Amino acid sequence: MATDEAAESLDDVVRLHGVRLAVVGDVSRHVSGSTALRDFVHETNHGGHIWFLADFGALDEKLRTTR
């Protein structure tokens, strides 16, 4: 599945249920080994519903600055 299709499918599920999704933790090792995952993380992080964040401090900051 192309990264844009994966992001769109995940976004559809999140919007359908009216929630946000945060993946909290260091995914840098996985991202550095996969161009597709790197693109997926980059694409989803620019949306308003799905985020990959390094730690809970980053999650707190994201929630404070996002409506």
PDB file of N, CA and C in Angstrom:
ATOM      1  N   MET A   1       0.861  -1.180   0.000  1.00  0.00           N
ATOM      2  CA  MET A   1       0.000   0.000   0.000  1.00  0.00           C
ATOM      3  C   MET A   1       0.902   1.236   0.000  1.00  0.00           C
ATOM      4  N   ALA A   2       0.604   2.174  -0.839  1.00  0.00           N
ATOM      5  CA  ALA A   2       1.377   3.407  -0.891  1.00  0.00           C
ATOM      6  C   ALA A   2       1.168   4.199   0.399  1.00  0.00           C
ATOM      7  N   THR A   3       2.183   4.986   0.757  1.00  0.00           N
ATOM      8  CA  THR A   3       2.098   5.718   2.024  1.00  0.00           C
ATOM      9  C   THR A   3       0.920   6.676   2.055  1.00  0.00           C
ATOM     10  N   ASP A   4       0.605   7.305   0.924  1.00  0.00           N
ATOM     11  CA  ASP A   4      -0.535   8.229   0.931  1.00  0.00           C
ATOM     12  C   ASP A   4      -1.850   7.481   1.114  1.00  0.00           C
ATOM     13  N   GLU A   5      -1.932   6.265   0.599  1.00  0.00           N
ATOM     14  CA  GLU A   5      -3.133   5.451   0.806  1.00  0.00           C
ATOM     15  C   GLU A   5      -3.235   5.001   2.264  1.00  0.00           C
ATOM     16  N   ALA A   6      -2.107   4.631   2.854  1.00  0.00           N
ATOM     17  CA  ALA A   6      -2.099   4.217   4.257  1.00  0.00           C
ATOM     18  C   ALA A   6      -2.506   5.379   5.152  1.00  0.00           C
ATOM     19  N   ALA A   7      -1.953   6.539   4.891  1.00  0.00           N
ATOM     20  CA  ALA A   7      -2.284   7.722   5.692  1.00  0.00           C
ATOM     21  C   ALA A   7      -3.759   8.072   5.537  1.00  0.00           C
ATOM     22  N   GLU A   8      -4.258   7.991   4.321  1.00  0.00           N
ATOM     23  CA  GLU A   8      -5.662   8.307   4.076  1.00  0.00           C
ATOM     24  C   GLU A   8      -6.583   7.312   4.776  1.00  0.00           C
ATOM     25  N   SER A   9      -6.242   6.038   4.731  1.00  0.00           N
ATOM     26  CA  SER A   9      -7.063   5.013   5.385  1.00  0.00           C
ATOM     27  C   SER A   9      -7.073   5.198   6.894  1.00  0.00           C
ATOM     28  N   LEU A  10      -5.909   5.446   7.471  1.00  0.00           N
ATOM     29  CA  LEU A  10      -5.826   5.659   8.914  1.00  0.00           C
ATOM     30  C   LEU A  10      -6.563   6.933   9.304  1.00  0.00           C
ATOM     31  N   ASP A  11      -6.436   7.961   8.508  1.00  0.00           N
ATOM     32  CA  ASP A  11      -7.138   9.216   8.775  1.00  0.00           C
ATOM     33  C   ASP A  11      -8.647   9.013   8.724  1.00  0.00           C
ATOM     34  N   ASP A  12      -9.119   8.220   7.772  1.00  0.00           N
ATOM     35  CA  ASP A  12     -10.554   7.931   7.683  1.00  0.00           C
ATOM     36  C   ASP A  12     -11.061   7.254   8.944  1.00  0.00           C
ATOM     37  N   VAL A  13     -10.309   6.292   9.465  1.00  0.00           N
ATOM     38  CA  VAL A  13     -10.707   5.575  10.677  1.00  0.00           C
ATOM     39  C   VAL A  13     -10.730   6.524  11.877  1.00  0.00           C
ATOM     40  N   VAL A  14      -9.712   7.359  11.994  1.00  0.00           N
ATOM     41  CA  VAL A  14      -9.632   8.300  13.115  1.00  0.00           C
ATOM     42  C   VAL A  14     -10.790   9.299  13.055  1.00  0.00           C
ATOM     43  N   ARG A  15     -11.067   9.831  11.874  1.00  0.00           N
ATOM     44  CA  ARG A  15     -12.174  10.791  11.739  1.00  0.00           C
ATOM     45  C   ARG A  15     -13.527  10.125  11.961  1.00  0.00           C
ATOM     46  N   LEU A  16     -13.677   8.895  11.510  1.00  0.00           N
ATOM     47  CA  LEU A  16     -14.933   8.170  11.694  1.00  0.00           C
ATOM     48  C   LEU A  16     -15.277   8.041  13.176  1.00  0.00           C
ATOM     49  N   HIS A  17     -14.269   7.800  14.009  1.00  0.00           N
ATOM     50  CA  HIS A  17     -14.496   7.613  15.437  1.00  0.00           C
ATOM     51  C   HIS A  17     -14.333   8.902  16.237  1.00  0.00           C
ATOM     52  N   GLY A  18     -13.950   9.988  15.571  1.00  0.00           N
ATOM     53  CA  GLY A  18     -13.856  11.286  16.222  1.00  0.00           C
ATOM     54  C   GLY A  18     -12.769  11.381  17.270  1.00  0.00           C
ATOM     55  N   VAL A  19     -11.641  10.739  17.036  1.00  0.00           N
ATOM     56  CA  VAL A  19     -10.538  10.755  17.988  1.00  0.00           C
ATOM     57  C   VAL A  19      -9.259  11.188  17.286  1.00  0.00           C
ATOM     58  N   ARG A  20      -8.244  11.429  18.073  1.00  0.00           N
ATOM     59  CA  ARG A  20      -6.889  11.649  17.564  1.00  0.00           C
ATOM     60  C   ARG A  20      -6.064  10.432  17.945  1.00  0.00           C
ATOM     61  N   LEU A  21      -5.027  10.189  17.170  1.00  0.00           N
ATOM     62  CA  LEU A  21      -4.151   9.055  17.440  1.00  0.00           C
ATOM     63  C   LEU A  21      -2.731   9.567  17.594  1.00  0.00           C
ATOM     64  N   ALA A  22      -2.098   9.217  18.703  1.00  0.00           N
ATOM     65  CA  ALA A  22      -0.703   9.589  18.918  1.00  0.00           C
ATOM     66  C   ALA A  22       0.104   8.323  19.160  1.00  0.00           C
ATOM     67  N   VAL A  23       1.153   8.167  18.388  1.00  0.00           N
ATOM     68  CA  VAL A  23       2.120   7.087  18.605  1.00  0.00           C
ATOM     69  C   VAL A  23       3.277   7.753  19.332  1.00  0.00           C
ATOM     70  N   VAL A  24       3.473   7.387  20.603  1.00  0.00           N
ATOM     71  CA  VAL A  24       4.479   8.031  21.436  1.00  0.00           C
ATOM     72  C   VAL A  24       5.647   7.084  21.635  1.00  0.00           C
ATOM     73  N   GLY A  25       6.817   7.544  21.260  1.00  0.00           N
ATOM     74  CA  GLY A  25       8.032   6.751  21.420  1.00  0.00           C
ATOM     75  C   GLY A  25       8.991   7.044  20.277  1.00  0.00           C
ATOM     76  N   ASP A  26      10.200   6.603  20.448  1.00  0.00           N
ATOM     77  CA  ASP A  26      11.248   6.853  19.461  1.00  0.00           C
ATOM     78  C   ASP A  26      11.136   5.851  18.319  1.00  0.00           C
ATOM     79  N   VAL A  27      10.737   6.318  17.163  1.00  0.00           N
ATOM     80  CA  VAL A  27      10.629   5.455  15.982  1.00  0.00           C
ATOM     81  C   VAL A  27      11.756   5.737  14.991  1.00  0.00           C
ATOM     82  N   SER A  28      12.753   6.504  15.414  1.00  0.00           N
ATOM     83  CA  SER A  28      13.809   6.946  14.500  1.00  0.00           C
ATOM     84  C   SER A  28      14.580   5.783  13.873  1.00  0.00           C
ATOM     85  N   ARG A  29      14.814   4.731  14.613  1.00  0.00           N
ATOM     86  CA  ARG A  29      15.534   3.581  14.063  1.00  0.00           C
ATOM     87  C   ARG A  29      14.728   2.940  12.943  1.00  0.00           C
ATOM     88  N   HIS A  30      13.442   2.834  13.144  1.00  0.00           N
ATOM     89  CA  HIS A  30      12.576   2.230  12.138  1.00  0.00           C
ATOM     90  C   HIS A  30      12.425   3.144  10.923  1.00  0.00           C
ATOM     91  N   VAL A  31      12.298   4.433  11.191  1.00  0.00           N
ATOM     92  CA  VAL A  31      12.144   5.405  10.116  1.00  0.00           C
ATOM     93  C   VAL A  31      13.410   5.476   9.261  1.00  0.00           C
ATOM     94  N   SER A  32      14.563   5.397   9.906  1.00  0.00           N
ATOM     95  CA  SER A  32      15.811   5.481   9.144  1.00  0.00           C
ATOM     96  C   SER A  32      16.019   4.264   8.248  1.00  0.00           C
ATOM     97  N   GLY A  33      15.352   3.161   8.566  1.00  0.00           N
ATOM     98  CA  GLY A  33      15.499   1.957   7.767  1.00  0.00           C
ATOM     99  C   GLY A  33      14.425   1.764   6.718  1.00  0.00           C
ATOM    100  N   SER A  34      13.495   2.708   6.616  1.00  0.00           N
ATOM    101  CA  SER A  34      12.384   2.527   5.685  1.00  0.00           C
ATOM    102  C   SER A  34      11.937   3.864   5.109  1.00  0.00           C
ATOM    103  N   THR A  35      12.143   4.031   3.834  1.00  0.00           N
ATOM    104  CA  THR A  35      11.701   5.248   3.166  1.00  0.00           C
ATOM    105  C   THR A  35      10.179   5.378   3.236  1.00  0.00           C
ATOM    106  N   ALA A  36       9.485   4.270   3.076  1.00  0.00           N
ATOM    107  CA  ALA A  36       8.019   4.306   3.115  1.00  0.00           C
ATOM    108  C   ALA A  36       7.522   4.737   4.493  1.00  0.00           C
ATOM    109  N   LEU A  37       8.115   4.195   5.558  1.00  0.00           N
ATOM    110  CA  LEU A  37       7.701   4.587   6.908  1.00  0.00           C
ATOM    111  C   LEU A  37       8.058   6.036   7.175  1.00  0.00           C
ATOM    112  N   ARG A  38       9.234   6.470   6.735  1.00  0.00           N
ATOM    113  CA  ARG A  38       9.631   7.865   6.914  1.00  0.00           C
ATOM    114  C   ARG A  38       8.605   8.791   6.247  1.00  0.00           C
ATOM    115  N   ASP A  39       8.209   8.463   5.027  1.00  0.00           N
ATOM    116  CA  ASP A  39       7.218   9.271   4.316  1.00  0.00           C
ATOM    117  C   ASP A  39       5.868   9.247   5.024  1.00  0.00           C
ATOM    118  N   PHE A  40       5.481   8.088   5.526  1.00  0.00           N
ATOM    119  CA  PHE A  40       4.213   7.945   6.232  1.00  0.00           C
ATOM    120  C   PHE A  40       4.196   8.794   7.497  1.00  0.00           C
ATOM    121  N   VAL A  41       5.252   8.715   8.291  1.00  0.00           N
ATOM    122  CA  VAL A  41       5.336   9.502   9.525  1.00  0.00           C
ATOM    123  C   VAL A  41       5.311  10.995   9.193  1.00  0.00           C
ATOM    124  N   HIS A  42       6.061  11.394   8.196  1.00  0.00           N
ATOM    125  CA  HIS A  42       6.107  12.800   7.794  1.00  0.00           C
ATOM    126  C   HIS A  42       4.720  13.280   7.362  1.00  0.00           C
ATOM    127  N   GLU A  43       4.066  12.487   6.547  1.00  0.00           N
ATOM    128  CA  GLU A  43       2.748  12.857   6.026  1.00  0.00           C
ATOM    129  C   GLU A  43       1.699  12.951   7.136  1.00  0.00           C
ATOM    130  N   THR A  44       1.667  11.963   8.021  1.00  0.00           N
ATOM    131  CA  THR A  44       0.649  11.971   9.071  1.00  0.00           C
ATOM    132  C   THR A  44       0.923  13.063  10.108  1.00  0.00           C
ATOM    133  N   ASN A  45       2.176  13.378  10.368  1.00  0.00           N
ATOM    134  CA  ASN A  45       2.495  14.419  11.344  1.00  0.00           C
ATOM    135  C   ASN A  45       2.053  15.806  10.891  1.00  0.00           C
ATOM    136  N   HIS A  46       1.805  15.982   9.607  1.00  0.00           N
ATOM    137  CA  HIS A  46       1.355  17.284   9.121  1.00  0.00           C
ATOM    138  C   HIS A  46      -0.158  17.436   9.176  1.00  0.00           C
ATOM    139  N   GLY A  47      -0.845  16.377   9.543  1.00  0.00           N
ATOM    140  CA  GLY A  47      -2.299  16.446   9.694  1.00  0.00           C
ATOM    141  C   GLY A  47      -2.676  16.822  11.113  1.00  0.00           C
ATOM    142  N   GLY A  48      -3.931  16.872  11.380  1.00  0.00           N
ATOM    143  CA  GLY A  48      -4.389  17.286  12.693  1.00  0.00           C
ATOM    144  C   GLY A  48      -4.896  16.161  13.573  1.00  0.00           C
ATOM    145  N   HIS A  49      -4.824  14.926  13.093  1.00  0.00           N
ATOM    146  CA  HIS A  49      -5.435  13.826  13.835  1.00  0.00           C
ATOM    147  C   HIS A  49      -4.473  12.706  14.223  1.00  0.00           C
ATOM    148  N   ILE A  50      -3.385  12.561  13.504  1.00  0.00           N
ATOM    149  CA  ILE A  50      -2.454  11.445  13.732  1.00  0.00           C
ATOM    150  C   ILE A  50      -1.047  11.999  13.864  1.00  0.00           C
ATOM    151  N   TRP A  51      -0.384  11.631  14.960  1.00  0.00           N
ATOM    152  CA  TRP A  51       0.962  12.141  15.212  1.00  0.00           C
ATOM    153  C   TRP A  51       1.886  11.032  15.689  1.00  0.00           C
ATOM    154  N   PHE A  52       3.115  11.088  15.250  1.00  0.00           N
ATOM    155  CA  PHE A  52       4.206  10.282  15.792  1.00  0.00           C
ATOM    156  C   PHE A  52       5.063  11.251  16.586  1.00  0.00           C
ATOM    157  N   LEU A  53       5.183  11.010  17.900  1.00  0.00           N
ATOM    158  CA  LEU A  53       5.892  11.931  18.783  1.00  0.00           C
ATOM    159  C   LEU A  53       6.909  11.177  19.624  1.00  0.00           C
ATOM    160  N   ALA A  54       8.020  11.827  19.928  1.00  0.00           N
ATOM    161  CA  ALA A  54       9.127  11.172  20.628  1.00  0.00           C
ATOM    162  C   ALA A  54       8.814  10.837  22.081  1.00  0.00           C
ATOM    163  N   ASP A  55       8.043  11.691  22.759  1.00  0.00           N
ATOM    164  CA  ASP A  55       7.783  11.455  24.175  1.00  0.00           C
ATOM    165  C   ASP A  55       6.500  12.173  24.597  1.00  0.00           C
ATOM    166  N   PHE A  56       6.114  11.971  25.848  1.00  0.00           N
ATOM    167  CA  PHE A  56       4.864  12.569  26.329  1.00  0.00           C
ATOM    168  C   PHE A  56       4.952  14.087  26.456  1.00  0.00           C
ATOM    169  N   GLY A  57       6.146  14.622  26.643  1.00  0.00           N
ATOM    170  CA  GLY A  57       6.321  16.073  26.649  1.00  0.00           C
ATOM    171  C   GLY A  57       5.962  16.661  25.295  1.00  0.00           C
ATOM    172  N   ALA A  58       6.381  15.990  24.228  1.00  0.00           N
ATOM    173  CA  ALA A  58       6.046  16.434  22.877  1.00  0.00           C
ATOM    174  C   ALA A  58       4.542  16.314  22.639  1.00  0.00           C
ATOM    175  N   LEU A  59       3.925  15.284  23.202  1.00  0.00           N
ATOM    176  CA  LEU A  59       2.469  15.127  23.078  1.00  0.00           C
ATOM    177  C   LEU A  59       1.751  16.260  23.797  1.00  0.00           C
ATOM    178  N   ASP A  60       2.193  16.583  25.016  1.00  0.00           N
ATOM    179  CA  ASP A  60       1.584  17.701  25.749  1.00  0.00           C
ATOM    180  C   ASP A  60       1.673  18.990  24.950  1.00  0.00           C
ATOM    181  N   GLU A  61       2.844  19.258  24.366  1.00  0.00           N
ATOM    182  CA  GLU A  61       3.036  20.468  23.574  1.00  0.00           C
ATOM    183  C   GLU A  61       2.127  20.464  22.341  1.00  0.00           C
ATOM    184  N   LYS A  62       2.025  19.351  21.679  1.00  0.00           N
ATOM    185  CA  LYS A  62       1.176  19.247  20.482  1.00  0.00           C
ATOM    186  C   LYS A  62      -0.278  19.503  20.842  1.00  0.00           C
ATOM    187  N   LEU A  63      -0.724  18.930  21.953  1.00  0.00           N
ATOM    188  CA  LEU A  63      -2.114  19.121  22.369  1.00  0.00           C
ATOM    189  C   LEU A  63      -2.397  20.568  22.777  1.00  0.00           C
ATOM    190  N   ARG A  64      -1.410  21.223  23.375  1.00  0.00           N
ATOM    191  CA  ARG A  64      -1.580  22.620  23.764  1.00  0.00           C
ATOM    192  C   ARG A  64      -1.681  23.541  22.557  1.00  0.00           C
ATOM    193  N   THR A  65      -0.990  23.192  21.482  1.00  0.00           N
ATOM    194  CA  THR A  65      -0.914  24.098  20.321  1.00  0.00           C
ATOM    195  C   THR A  65      -1.863  23.706  19.198  1.00  0.00           C
ATOM    196  N   THR A  66      -2.633  22.643  19.377  1.00  0.00           N
ATOM    197  CA  THR A  66      -3.543  22.171  18.345  1.00  0.00           C
ATOM    198  C   THR A  66      -4.965  22.211  18.871  1.00  0.00           C
ATOM    199  N   ARG A  67      -5.856  22.704  18.061  1.00  0.00           N
ATOM    200  CA  ARG A  67      -7.267  22.763  18.465  1.00  0.00           C
ATOM    201  C   ARG A  67      -7.935  21.464  18.242  1.00  0.00           C
TER     202      ARG A  67
END
